[in-house]
Amino acid sequence: MFNKTVTKPSIEKPNSENFQVHTAVHIWEKNEIYKLRYQVYVEEMGKAANHAKGNQLYDELDDRSLLLYVQTGETILATARLTIATAAEYSKELADIFQLHTFQAGFNDPNLLYGLCTKLAVKKEYRNSTALYLILSEVYKILADQNIRFWFGGCNPYLVPLYERLGFRRFAPNFSDEGYGLLVPIILLVDDTEYLRMVRSPLYRQARTRKANPETARKFTELFPATRKVLNSRLTRPHDLWTFLTEKLGKPLTSIPAFQHISQADTMALLESSAVFSCKASDCLIEENTACHDLYIILSGQLATQSANPKLILQAGEVFGGITPQIKRLPSDSIIALEDSDLLVLPQQSLERYYYPLQEAAATMTDNLLNQQEKTPQISSSKGENRHA
């Protein structure tokens, strides 16, 4: 992938002027949505196979949710599911994950409605189009029109930068969903117009025309004070991120093998769409036999393979995952946190975006990771050594 002599290809962009957003009403629409989910989650990403029925991905929440989709011509190219309900109407598991009873008590309203957006899927060839924005903009419009203040969701760690750009915040402990892996609970405060402006969310285009309610954000921060300490990728200056990473590791990031021979400036450019996240002891970061194409750097704590004998122990400064066709990881075993740990995740897509402006730095990183892969075939260790328990 990171070949210094490759020229940038010309890519024909989809004509977004023909995109239309619809709410599924007919059975055929819903069946096409379930098929699209299957194509994205199961066939492409290798997730959620346990939830599949034939070539469709469906569960009981679909029966009481709005199923939205973006269409061009005869093609459905993106979909999302929006559930609107009170805390009592959600399952106990979902209410606990998103701490809905804390909201209910804090805002003193048992009839408070909450929006939950799940099963977001976009065809690969349309991910650089406006399809994602269009469908999320429709979700925002529906919630704002009904004066629903809270929009919840969950994402894998490597998607945190994307959702923080949209205006979501992290606020609760991670959770796991079989078939989807480790997920981070996120929330968007629909009427916090000032915050959407601060993070330069594309949803601000809609929000600025609506009535803002600063009290929602004030009360949210009061209920979840730890959110003040979350390192938000949209609100953290590059210098502050570099300082944080250096303090966590006890040394500059450029001193670990994965980033050797890359300047601080180029390293920070590569990290522009990265995210720092925390996990608790026993959190499963990579499920068994699941390909991992994003790069994870351990900043503190310890991780290990779960059932391999002997176990491979990974510590601060080490890396795992892969970002190129040559460095694909298919661990034969899952990777779990042995203790509370902090990690930095570099999404494959964001690194690919910097391939052309930063060819030399990207190629150097690839060479560094390939060298480490030769030393540890299953999991790349930036220290070039295997430690077993």
Protein backbone atom coordinates (compact mmCIF):
# COMPACT_ATOMS: atom_id res chain seq x y z
CA MET A 1 0.00 0.00 0.00
CA PHE A 2 2.62 2.57 1.02
CA ASN A 3 4.72 2.54 -2.15
CA LYS A 4 6.63 5.79 -2.56
CA THR A 5 6.46 5.69 -6.38
CA VAL A 6 2.69 5.16 -6.73
CA THR A 7 0.75 8.04 -8.26
CA LYS A 8 -2.62 9.06 -6.91
CA PRO A 9 -5.43 7.42 -8.90
CA SER A 10 -8.36 9.39 -10.23
CA ILE A 11 -11.57 8.40 -8.47
CA GLU A 12 -14.98 9.05 -9.98
CA LYS A 13 -17.16 10.41 -7.19
CA PRO A 14 -20.80 9.33 -6.93
CA ASN A 15 -23.35 11.97 -7.95
CA SER A 16 -24.72 12.91 -4.55
CA GLU A 17 -27.32 15.21 -6.13
CA ASN A 18 -29.40 12.10 -6.83
CA PHE A 19 -29.27 10.81 -3.22
CA GLN A 20 -32.60 10.66 -1.41
CA VAL A 21 -33.36 9.72 2.20
CA HIS A 22 -36.39 7.53 2.91
CA THR A 23 -38.02 5.77 5.85
CA ALA A 24 -38.71 2.11 5.11
CA VAL A 25 -42.41 1.23 5.06
CA HIS A 26 -42.65 -1.76 2.77
CA ILE A 27 -41.32 -5.27 3.39
CA TRP A 28 -39.12 -5.13 0.28
CA GLU A 29 -37.40 -1.96 1.60
CA LYS A 30 -36.68 -3.58 4.95
CA ASN A 31 -35.36 -6.75 3.30
CA GLU A 32 -32.96 -4.67 1.19
CA ILE A 33 -31.78 -2.88 4.34
CA TYR A 34 -31.16 -6.20 6.11
CA LYS A 35 -29.18 -7.40 3.08
CA LEU A 36 -27.05 -4.24 3.04
CA ARG A 37 -26.26 -4.70 6.73
CA TYR A 38 -25.21 -8.28 6.02
CA GLN A 39 -22.93 -7.18 3.17
CA VAL A 40 -21.20 -4.55 5.30
CA TYR A 41 -21.05 -6.17 8.74
CA VAL A 42 -20.69 -9.85 7.88
CA GLU A 43 -19.21 -10.16 4.40
CA GLU A 44 -16.93 -7.10 4.49
CA MET A 45 -16.09 -6.61 8.15
CA GLY A 46 -16.43 -10.18 9.43
CA LYS A 47 -18.75 -9.13 12.26
CA ALA A 48 -22.15 -10.10 13.60
CA ALA A 49 -22.35 -13.53 11.94
CA ASN A 50 -24.19 -14.85 15.03
CA HIS A 51 -27.00 -12.36 14.39
CA ALA A 52 -27.44 -13.19 10.70
CA LYS A 53 -30.36 -15.05 9.17
CA GLY A 54 -29.44 -16.22 5.71
CA ASN A 55 -28.07 -13.20 3.88
CA GLN A 56 -29.87 -10.72 6.14
CA LEU A 57 -28.98 -9.04 9.42
CA TYR A 58 -32.05 -8.44 11.58
CA ASP A 59 -33.05 -8.38 15.25
CA GLU A 60 -36.18 -7.69 17.30
CA LEU A 61 -35.37 -3.99 17.78
CA ASP A 62 -36.09 -3.49 14.06
CA ASP A 63 -39.79 -4.10 14.72
CA ARG A 64 -40.15 -0.98 16.87
CA SER A 65 -37.70 1.38 15.19
CA LEU A 66 -37.50 3.68 12.18
CA LEU A 67 -35.38 2.17 9.42
CA LEU A 68 -33.84 4.96 7.34
CA TYR A 69 -31.98 4.56 4.08
CA VAL A 70 -30.29 6.59 1.36
CA GLN A 71 -31.11 5.63 -2.21
CA THR A 72 -29.84 6.60 -5.65
CA GLY A 73 -31.71 5.13 -8.58
CA GLU A 74 -32.49 1.53 -7.63
CA THR A 75 -29.55 1.26 -5.21
CA ILE A 76 -29.82 1.48 -1.42
CA LEU A 77 -26.37 2.66 -0.40
CA ALA A 78 -26.68 3.55 3.30
CA THR A 79 -28.95 2.76 6.22
CA ALA A 80 -29.43 3.51 9.90
CA ARG A 81 -31.90 2.42 12.57
CA LEU A 82 -33.46 4.97 14.93
CA THR A 83 -35.25 3.85 18.08
CA ILE A 84 -37.17 6.38 20.19
CA ALA A 85 -38.41 5.28 23.60
CA THR A 86 -38.47 6.03 27.33
CA ALA A 87 -35.96 4.43 29.70
CA ALA A 88 -38.59 1.90 30.81
CA GLU A 89 -39.27 0.87 27.21
CA TYR A 90 -35.65 -0.03 26.48
CA SER A 91 -34.28 -3.39 27.60
CA LYS A 92 -32.54 -3.42 30.97
CA GLU A 93 -29.25 -4.12 29.20
CA LEU A 94 -29.51 -1.04 26.99
CA ALA A 95 -30.79 1.13 29.84
CA ASP A 96 -27.77 0.11 31.93
CA ILE A 97 -25.24 0.59 29.11
CA PHE A 98 -26.43 4.13 28.39
CA GLN A 99 -27.23 4.87 32.04
CA LEU A 100 -30.74 6.01 31.14
CA HIS A 101 -31.95 5.91 34.75
CA THR A 102 -29.26 8.45 35.64
CA PHE A 103 -30.68 10.76 32.99
CA GLN A 104 -34.23 10.06 34.12
CA ALA A 105 -33.42 10.91 37.73
CA GLY A 106 -31.17 13.86 36.89
CA PHE A 107 -33.72 15.50 34.62
CA ASN A 108 -36.61 14.42 36.90
CA ASP A 109 -38.77 13.15 34.05
CA PRO A 110 -39.85 9.49 33.84
CA ASN A 111 -41.40 10.15 30.41
CA LEU A 112 -38.19 11.52 28.89
CA LEU A 113 -37.60 10.12 25.41
CA TYR A 114 -34.19 8.93 24.20
CA GLY A 115 -33.03 8.35 20.64
CA LEU A 116 -30.77 5.37 19.92
CA CYS A 117 -29.14 5.14 16.50
CA THR A 118 -27.74 1.71 15.60
CA LYS A 119 -27.02 -0.54 12.61
CA LEU A 120 -25.42 2.27 10.59
CA ALA A 121 -24.05 0.84 7.34
CA VAL A 122 -22.74 2.47 4.16
CA LYS A 123 -21.66 0.66 1.01
CA LYS A 124 -17.88 0.83 0.71
CA GLU A 125 -17.86 2.69 -2.60
CA TYR A 126 -20.04 5.46 -1.13
CA ARG A 127 -18.13 6.13 2.11
CA ASN A 128 -16.47 9.22 0.70
CA SER A 129 -19.78 10.59 -0.53
CA THR A 130 -22.41 12.62 1.32
CA ALA A 131 -24.47 9.49 2.11
CA LEU A 132 -23.34 9.28 5.74
CA TYR A 133 -24.02 12.94 6.42
CA LEU A 134 -27.43 12.79 4.75
CA ILE A 135 -28.71 9.90 6.83
CA LEU A 136 -27.32 11.26 10.11
CA SER A 137 -28.71 14.68 9.27
CA GLU A 138 -32.13 13.06 8.88
CA VAL A 139 -31.76 11.38 12.28
CA TYR A 140 -30.89 14.77 13.80
CA LYS A 141 -33.92 16.39 12.14
CA ILE A 142 -36.30 13.71 13.44
CA LEU A 143 -35.00 14.05 16.99
CA ALA A 144 -34.92 17.85 16.96
CA ASP A 145 -38.44 18.08 15.52
CA GLN A 146 -39.70 15.95 18.43
CA ASN A 147 -37.69 17.92 21.02
CA ILE A 148 -35.70 14.80 21.95
CA ARG A 149 -32.52 15.98 23.61
CA PHE A 150 -30.42 12.81 23.76
CA TRP A 151 -29.05 10.81 20.83
CA PHE A 152 -27.18 7.66 21.89
CA GLY A 153 -25.03 5.21 19.99
CA GLY A 154 -22.10 2.85 20.32
CA CYS A 155 -18.98 2.55 18.17
CA ASN A 156 -15.77 0.54 17.98
CA PRO A 157 -12.75 2.49 19.30
CA TYR A 158 -11.36 3.21 15.84
CA LEU A 159 -14.58 5.09 14.95
CA VAL A 160 -14.37 7.46 17.93
CA PRO A 161 -12.68 10.26 15.87
CA LEU A 162 -15.45 10.10 13.26
CA TYR A 163 -18.22 10.40 15.84
CA GLU A 164 -16.43 13.12 17.79
CA ARG A 165 -16.26 15.14 14.56
CA LEU A 166 -20.03 14.82 14.33
CA GLY A 167 -20.48 16.10 17.89
CA PHE A 168 -20.79 12.92 19.95
CA ARG A 169 -19.07 12.56 23.33
CA ARG A 170 -17.89 9.58 25.33
CA PHE A 171 -19.54 9.35 28.74
CA ALA A 172 -19.86 5.77 30.07
CA PRO A 173 -17.83 2.53 30.40
CA ASN A 174 -17.18 0.38 27.34
CA PHE A 175 -19.37 -2.64 26.67
CA SER A 176 -19.15 -5.71 24.45
CA ASP A 177 -21.66 -7.02 21.95
CA GLU A 178 -21.01 -10.51 20.65
CA GLY A 179 -20.19 -10.31 16.97
CA TYR A 180 -19.44 -6.56 17.09
CA GLY A 181 -16.61 -6.47 19.64
CA LEU A 182 -15.71 -3.76 22.14
CA LEU A 183 -18.01 -0.74 21.85
CA VAL A 184 -17.77 2.77 23.29
CA PRO A 185 -21.05 4.41 24.44
CA ILE A 186 -21.48 7.85 22.86
CA ILE A 187 -24.05 10.63 23.14
CA LEU A 188 -24.95 13.73 21.15
CA LEU A 189 -26.84 16.48 22.96
CA VAL A 190 -29.27 17.53 20.25
CA ASP A 191 -29.92 21.04 21.57
CA ASP A 192 -26.30 21.86 22.53
CA THR A 193 -25.78 24.10 19.52
CA GLU A 194 -22.66 25.76 20.93
CA TYR A 195 -20.85 22.42 21.29
CA LEU A 196 -21.69 21.43 17.71
CA ARG A 197 -20.23 24.76 16.61
CA MET A 198 -17.07 24.23 18.68
CA VAL A 199 -16.30 20.83 17.16
CA ARG A 200 -17.27 22.09 13.68
CA SER A 201 -19.88 19.39 13.30
CA PRO A 202 -21.61 19.23 9.90
CA LEU A 203 -24.84 18.92 11.92
CA TYR A 204 -24.35 22.52 13.04
CA ARG A 205 -25.86 23.59 9.71
CA GLN A 206 -29.18 22.36 11.04
CA ALA A 207 -28.63 23.11 14.71
CA ARG A 208 -27.98 26.83 14.21
CA THR A 209 -31.51 27.31 12.87
CA ARG A 210 -33.07 25.73 15.96
CA LYS A 211 -33.50 26.82 19.55
CA ALA A 212 -30.51 25.99 21.73
CA ASN A 213 -30.79 24.88 25.36
CA PRO A 214 -27.54 25.39 27.34
CA GLU A 215 -29.19 23.86 30.41
CA THR A 216 -29.04 20.39 28.83
CA ALA A 217 -25.24 20.52 28.54
CA ARG A 218 -24.84 21.99 32.03
CA LYS A 219 -26.94 19.24 33.60
CA PHE A 220 -25.22 16.53 31.55
CA THR A 221 -21.79 17.65 32.80
CA GLU A 222 -23.12 17.70 36.35
CA LEU A 223 -24.37 14.11 36.00
CA PHE A 224 -21.18 12.89 34.28
CA PRO A 225 -18.29 15.01 35.61
CA ALA A 226 -15.66 12.55 34.32
CA THR A 227 -16.47 13.68 30.76
CA ARG A 228 -14.42 16.82 31.45
CA LYS A 229 -11.28 14.64 31.50
CA VAL A 230 -11.94 12.76 28.27
CA LEU A 231 -9.36 13.58 25.61
CA ASN A 232 -11.65 14.62 22.77
CA SER A 233 -9.99 14.35 19.34
CA ARG A 234 -11.77 17.53 18.13
CA LEU A 235 -10.90 19.72 21.09
CA THR A 236 -7.32 18.63 21.80
CA ARG A 237 -4.53 20.69 20.27
CA PRO A 238 -1.66 18.74 18.63
CA HIS A 239 0.84 20.02 21.19
CA ASP A 240 -1.37 18.90 24.09
CA LEU A 241 -1.86 15.47 22.51
CA TRP A 242 1.89 15.07 22.06
CA THR A 243 2.49 16.08 25.68
CA PHE A 244 -0.16 13.64 26.91
CA LEU A 245 1.27 10.74 24.88
CA THR A 246 4.80 11.49 26.05
CA GLU A 247 3.74 11.59 29.69
CA LYS A 248 1.75 8.36 29.39
CA LEU A 249 4.57 6.46 27.68
CA GLY A 250 7.36 8.10 29.65
CA LYS A 251 9.09 8.90 26.35
CA PRO A 252 8.26 10.44 22.95
CA LEU A 253 6.18 8.36 20.57
CA THR A 254 8.97 8.65 18.00
CA SER A 255 11.24 6.62 20.28
CA ILE A 256 9.22 3.41 19.88
CA PRO A 257 10.10 1.24 16.85
CA ALA A 258 6.78 1.78 15.03
CA PHE A 259 7.57 5.50 14.63
CA GLN A 260 11.36 5.44 14.39
CA HIS A 261 12.90 7.60 11.65
CA ILE A 262 9.69 9.67 11.39
CA SER A 263 9.76 13.32 12.46
CA GLN A 264 7.55 14.61 15.25
CA ALA A 265 5.67 16.81 12.76
CA ASP A 266 4.92 13.91 10.41
CA THR A 267 3.98 11.66 13.31
CA MET A 268 1.49 14.21 14.56
CA ALA A 269 0.04 14.55 11.06
CA LEU A 270 -0.44 10.77 10.93
CA LEU A 271 -2.16 10.95 14.32
CA GLU A 272 -4.57 13.72 13.33
CA SER A 273 -7.54 11.34 13.23
CA SER A 274 -6.41 9.08 16.05
CA ALA A 275 -8.16 8.63 19.39
CA VAL A 276 -7.01 7.92 22.92
CA PHE A 277 -9.37 5.60 24.77
CA SER A 278 -9.40 3.68 28.03
CA CYS A 279 -10.46 0.13 28.77
CA LYS A 280 -11.08 -1.79 31.96
CA ALA A 281 -9.54 -5.06 33.09
CA SER A 282 -11.16 -7.97 31.20
CA ASP A 283 -12.32 -5.79 28.27
CA CYS A 284 -11.87 -7.77 25.04
CA LEU A 285 -10.30 -5.51 22.43
CA ILE A 286 -9.97 -8.02 19.60
CA GLU A 287 -12.27 -11.03 19.35
CA GLU A 288 -11.00 -14.46 18.38
CA ASN A 289 -10.42 -14.95 14.63
CA THR A 290 -11.32 -11.34 13.87
CA ALA A 291 -9.21 -9.41 11.38
CA CYS A 292 -7.84 -6.15 12.79
CA HIS A 293 -6.78 -3.58 10.18
CA ASP A 294 -6.39 -0.60 12.55
CA LEU A 295 -3.28 0.07 14.59
CA TYR A 296 -3.40 0.04 18.41
CA ILE A 297 -0.59 1.44 20.56
CA ILE A 298 -0.59 0.62 24.26
CA LEU A 299 0.08 3.75 26.32
CA SER A 300 -0.32 2.22 29.79
CA GLY A 301 -1.40 -1.03 31.37
CA GLN A 302 -1.10 -4.59 30.07
CA LEU A 303 -2.96 -6.70 27.52
CA ALA A 304 -2.69 -10.40 26.71
CA THR A 305 -3.96 -13.13 24.46
CA GLN A 306 -6.80 -14.83 26.29
CA SER A 307 -6.38 -18.59 25.95
CA ALA A 308 -3.14 -19.22 24.07
CA ASN A 309 -0.61 -21.25 26.00
CA PRO A 310 1.71 -19.58 26.80
CA LYS A 311 -0.02 -16.20 26.81
CA LEU A 312 1.58 -13.30 24.97
CA ILE A 313 1.79 -10.23 27.21
CA LEU A 314 1.72 -6.76 25.63
CA GLN A 315 2.83 -3.69 27.58
CA ALA A 316 3.12 0.07 27.17
CA GLY A 317 4.88 1.07 23.95
CA GLU A 318 3.89 -2.08 22.08
CA VAL A 319 1.53 -2.27 19.14
CA PHE A 320 -0.92 -4.70 17.61
CA GLY A 321 -3.21 -4.65 14.61
CA GLY A 322 -2.44 -3.83 11.01
CA ILE A 323 -2.99 -1.02 8.53
CA THR A 324 -1.90 -2.40 5.16
CA PRO A 325 -2.60 -5.47 3.02
CA GLN A 326 0.83 -6.77 4.01
CA ILE A 327 0.15 -6.32 7.72
CA LYS A 328 -3.23 -7.92 8.24
CA ARG A 329 -3.84 -9.48 11.59
CA LEU A 330 -6.04 -12.51 12.09
CA PRO A 331 -5.25 -13.43 15.70
CA SER A 332 -5.97 -17.05 16.50
CA ASP A 333 -6.83 -15.81 19.97
CA SER A 334 -8.64 -12.81 21.43
CA ILE A 335 -6.79 -9.94 23.08
CA ILE A 336 -7.99 -8.74 26.50
CA ALA A 337 -6.93 -6.11 29.01
CA LEU A 338 -5.26 -7.57 32.11
CA GLU A 339 -5.70 -4.27 33.94
CA ASP A 340 -7.07 -0.78 33.34
CA SER A 341 -5.22 0.43 30.25
CA ASP A 342 -4.98 3.42 27.91
CA LEU A 343 -4.50 2.96 24.18
CA LEU A 344 -4.10 5.07 21.07
CA VAL A 345 -5.93 3.80 17.99
CA LEU A 346 -5.04 4.84 14.44
CA PRO A 347 -7.89 3.96 12.05
CA GLN A 348 -6.85 2.42 8.76
CA GLN A 349 -8.98 4.85 6.76
CA SER A 350 -7.45 7.94 8.35
CA LEU A 351 -3.92 6.68 7.69
CA GLU A 352 -4.85 5.96 4.09
CA ARG A 353 -6.05 9.55 3.76
CA TYR A 354 -2.55 10.79 4.65
CA TYR A 355 -0.83 8.37 2.31
CA TYR A 356 -0.32 10.83 -0.55
CA PRO A 357 0.66 14.00 1.36
CA LEU A 358 2.88 11.95 3.72
CA GLN A 359 4.15 9.15 1.49
CA GLU A 360 7.62 8.93 3.01
CA ALA A 361 6.42 8.89 6.62
CA ALA A 362 3.68 6.36 5.85
CA ALA A 363 6.11 4.11 3.97
CA THR A 364 8.59 4.29 6.86
CA MET A 365 5.89 3.29 9.34
CA THR A 366 4.93 0.36 7.13
CA ASP A 367 8.56 -0.79 6.97
CA ASN A 368 8.84 -0.51 10.76
CA LEU A 369 5.70 -2.58 11.26
CA LEU A 370 6.74 -5.19 8.69
CA ASN A 371 10.04 -5.60 10.52
CA GLN A 372 8.17 -6.18 13.75
CA GLN A 373 5.76 -8.57 12.07
CA GLU A 374 8.67 -10.80 11.08
CA LYS A 375 9.64 -11.07 14.74
CA THR A 376 6.10 -11.72 16.04
CA PRO A 377 3.93 -13.24 13.29
CA GLN A 378 0.61 -13.15 15.17
CA ILE A 379 0.83 -9.81 16.96
CA SER A 380 3.24 -7.00 16.17
CA SER A 381 5.38 -6.08 19.18
CA SER A 382 7.05 -2.70 18.86
CA LYS A 383 9.77 -3.82 21.25
CA GLY A 384 10.60 -6.77 19.09
CA GLU A 385 10.25 -9.36 21.83
CA ASN A 386 7.67 -11.83 23.05
CA ARG A 387 6.85 -11.91 26.72
CA HIS A 388 4.86 -14.86 27.91
CA ALA A 389 3.00 -15.53 31.12
